[in-house]
């Protein structure tokens, strides 16, 4: 999902704010998804049941003033990621860039083996 939204942003981010979708803060990949939302420049929201969340993951998304950490622009893949498949080529990381009020943002994700496998019908 992260790779799909990042690559879609190359084309659509000039006209819409992409929705990177919600995530569950207790999921084994919760931190990966939290970072993706922060650098993605999108709304950050979770689908946890009330009282069933991981506060350590959620605290990392909130700044001391109570605002949510997120980029100012739509997050986009870096140039070196544009023509590779970071979900199945065995070597590439997906790198997403953005900026905030003070500096640039860059996040690198190891998404190898996360693509849909039509033979085994799973990701």
Foldseek 3Di string as FASTA:
>chain_A
DLVVQQLVCVPCQVPDQDDPDAAAQPDPCNLVSLVSQQAQQHDYDHDDDVPPGDVVSVVVQADPVGDGRHFNGGKHWDPVPNPDDLQAPPDAWTWIWGHHPPGIDIDTHRNHVVDADPVVRHD
